[in-house]
Every structure is written in structure tokens, then in C-alpha cells.
Amino acid sequence: MRTGLDALLADPARLRGRRYGLCCNPTAVDHRYVHALNRLRAAGLPPARLFGPEHGIAATAQDMIGVDDDGPETVSLYGDSEASLRPDPATLEDLDALVFDIQDIGSRYYTYQATLGFIMEVAGKTDTEVIILDRPNPINGTSIEGNVVEPGFESFVSAYPLANRHAMTMGELAMYFQRALGIDCPLTVLRCEGWLREQWFDETGLPWVFPSPNMPTLDTAILYPGMCLIEGTNLSEGRGTTRPFHLVGAPWLDPGRFAELCRKGALDNGLEGVAFRPASFWPQFQKHAGQVCGGLEIHLTNRDALDALLLGLVVLEAARRANPERFGWRTETYEFVDDPIAIDLLCGSAEARLGLEAGVRPRELVDAWAAARGQWEDQRAACLLY
């Protein structure tokens, strides 16, 4: 199959004679792992300015770590303040176009789609064309999970009304931002060719380049729509290990009891596609760094059967039951926001937190969300390109 980068390289004339910027990270590669920046320079079309999302152009920074502008022609879109998440209009005013080539992973908490939306908002004011070099949704373009962000719960991990697992490509998200949300800017989407919506990334023939430091594999991306919720607690989500979002635990959890509660929760809620193995691990940084954590490792056994968001809720419910005195929701500032707390920002409402605290079964929560997102699914359907 061909990506939007392939389409641009096949017809580079659309950039010739134009002053343009490039927003990218290491995922902007062709089939031979050659980066878009190198391909464009080799074609005699070097960008005038580079823009880097969270983690930086080289994707070396950990989550929620500010990245400085690296030189006069490089702009960081993730600094040390909420204002840094949007490009300064001055960085777009002298550009004819901004080319955007970043691999998303299909979950609304993953901040690259928020960066795209913020760029489009500013580009509409500066009349700068945004050119999306589209790439497949790696966790397929058909499976939708979760609720839609409610007003008052917007943040960098919930910037726009999307489902937790949205099943859209970056190009389709751009169309949604424009058509459904009214974010109007000159917009061109260079589409993929040969991608089928039901395909997973490893069925496309494209090279996997990890899009952020804690997204090493496709399996990690598949678990992420559910396991990212652990960020909203005092549990380790496996950052600081080689198995982020597969490992979860805390120094005060008993691995055997926690795993057994997860297995019971899976049976009670009809969760399929994963196995829970008691495990201990030692994070080298982030939560519980330098301490041995008791917990479990999640093994993906059937990705087609898995509801990742249901998985995340089952794990949260089990952790609360395993040690209710020690389990807690994260209350520190999260993505520059103090209130609402992190779990509510991730969930796009307080419903999941309040429901779990009241004893509502995870299956009831996900079923209610599926029934309530019909209008959003209609808006989404009108923006699909494949």
C-alpha cells in the first residue's frame, strides 16, 4: 500500500516554489525507513521550518516533558505551558503550507491528533494550507470504543469530541475537525492507497516505527485505549520498564490476588482477548521508580475479540478491590490541568470514576456509552475517506 508521503513524493510539484513547514516525528518514513525530511531534501524541496509534537521531532522525551525549540527553524509544540501546545501564529504567517506527517495510534488520549487540531485552528487564522500525509489507523478503522468527551472535560488528552477508540486516520480526523467542528482552514489530505479499514498495521506491509517512547509495538497500541486509564491512578502503568501498558501494579499490590480479581472481572463482564499473569516489576523512572511493584502482565491473545476500554475498566475495578485502602485516583496536575482530575480528563467525563466507585459493572458503562454515541458515529461516517 501507499501512504500520503508516497503520494507527495510521486507528485512533489504541489510544494515547488512554496515556502512550507513540516510537522513530523520519526514515524514519517517511507517503505525503506527513509525519513520524509531526507526524501524532501533530496527532491530539492527542503522545508523552511520544522514543527515537533509531544516527545519532540526525534521522539526522545518522556510524556509530559517539555521540549525546547531546537534552533531558529524548529518549533516545539509541546513546551512548559498550555499555551505552548498551539503554534504561535507568527510561525505560520510566513508559510504557504504546513505538511503534517505523523503516525497516530487510534486513541483520543494520544496527543498527536490534538496537535493537528490546534495547528488547523491557527492555520485558519493565518490562511496557511494544511497538507495531511495520511497513514493507516494501526489498530484498524472499524472498531469503536468508549464515550464522547463532554463539555468541561477538554484537555490535551481530550481536546475534541471523539470516542476513546475512534477508528479514524489522521486525514479523516482533519475532515471531522473541519466538517463537524467548524475548524476551517485550507486543507488537503493526500490519501493512502490500498488500505482496507479492517486491516491492522502488521497487515499493511508498512514498517512500524514506534511513535513515542512508550509505544514500542503494535500490541502496545492495541492495549492503549484501555490501559492508558491507569495513568489516572496511583498505579504504575509500566512506564520505566520495557513493557509499558502491558505491566500494571504498585508496591502494595499482591500479584496473585490482583490477577485473580482481573480474571474474575473478565468473566463477569464478558471480556475476551487477554490473559492475566501475576508479575513483579521494577520501574526505573516515573511512578514507583526504584521500587518493586506487585501486579500483573497483560498478554494479548485475540486482538479481534478484545474491547480494550473494557479491559482498562476491569483492571481499575480489580485494583480498587485488591487494596481499597491504598488505591487512589491521581490528583497531581495532568497535561497542565488541575481540575478535573486525570481520570476524568482521560475518560472525557466523571461517569467512569463515579460509576466504579458506586459499584457499576464495567460492562454496563461501556454498553451505555455505545448506545449514546450514535450522533457522533453519524458525524464520523460523513468524514471517512476509505
Foldseek 3Di string as FASTA:
>chain_A
DFWLLNVCLVPVVVQPPFAEEEEAAQVQAGQVSHHSQVSCVVVVHHHQAYEYEPCGNDQPDDPLAADCADDPRYQYLGHNAQVSVADDLVNQLRGQAYEYEAFDQQFLQGQPLVSVLRPLLSQQVNQHEYEYGKDANQLFQPDFFAFFFDPPLDASSRPHGAGRGHSAISQLSVLLCCPVVPSDHRYHYRGGPPDDRGDHNVVPSGDDDQRHPQRHDSVQSLLCSQLVLCVFKLWQQQAQHNHGNQWIFAQPFAQVQLQVQLVVLCVVQVFDFKHKAWDWDARCDDRNHRHITTYTGIGGHDSVRGDNNLSNLSSVLSVCVRCVVPIGTDQDDDNNDRPPGDSCSNNSHCCSVVCSVVPNRSNVNGVVNVVPCVVVVVSSVVSHDD
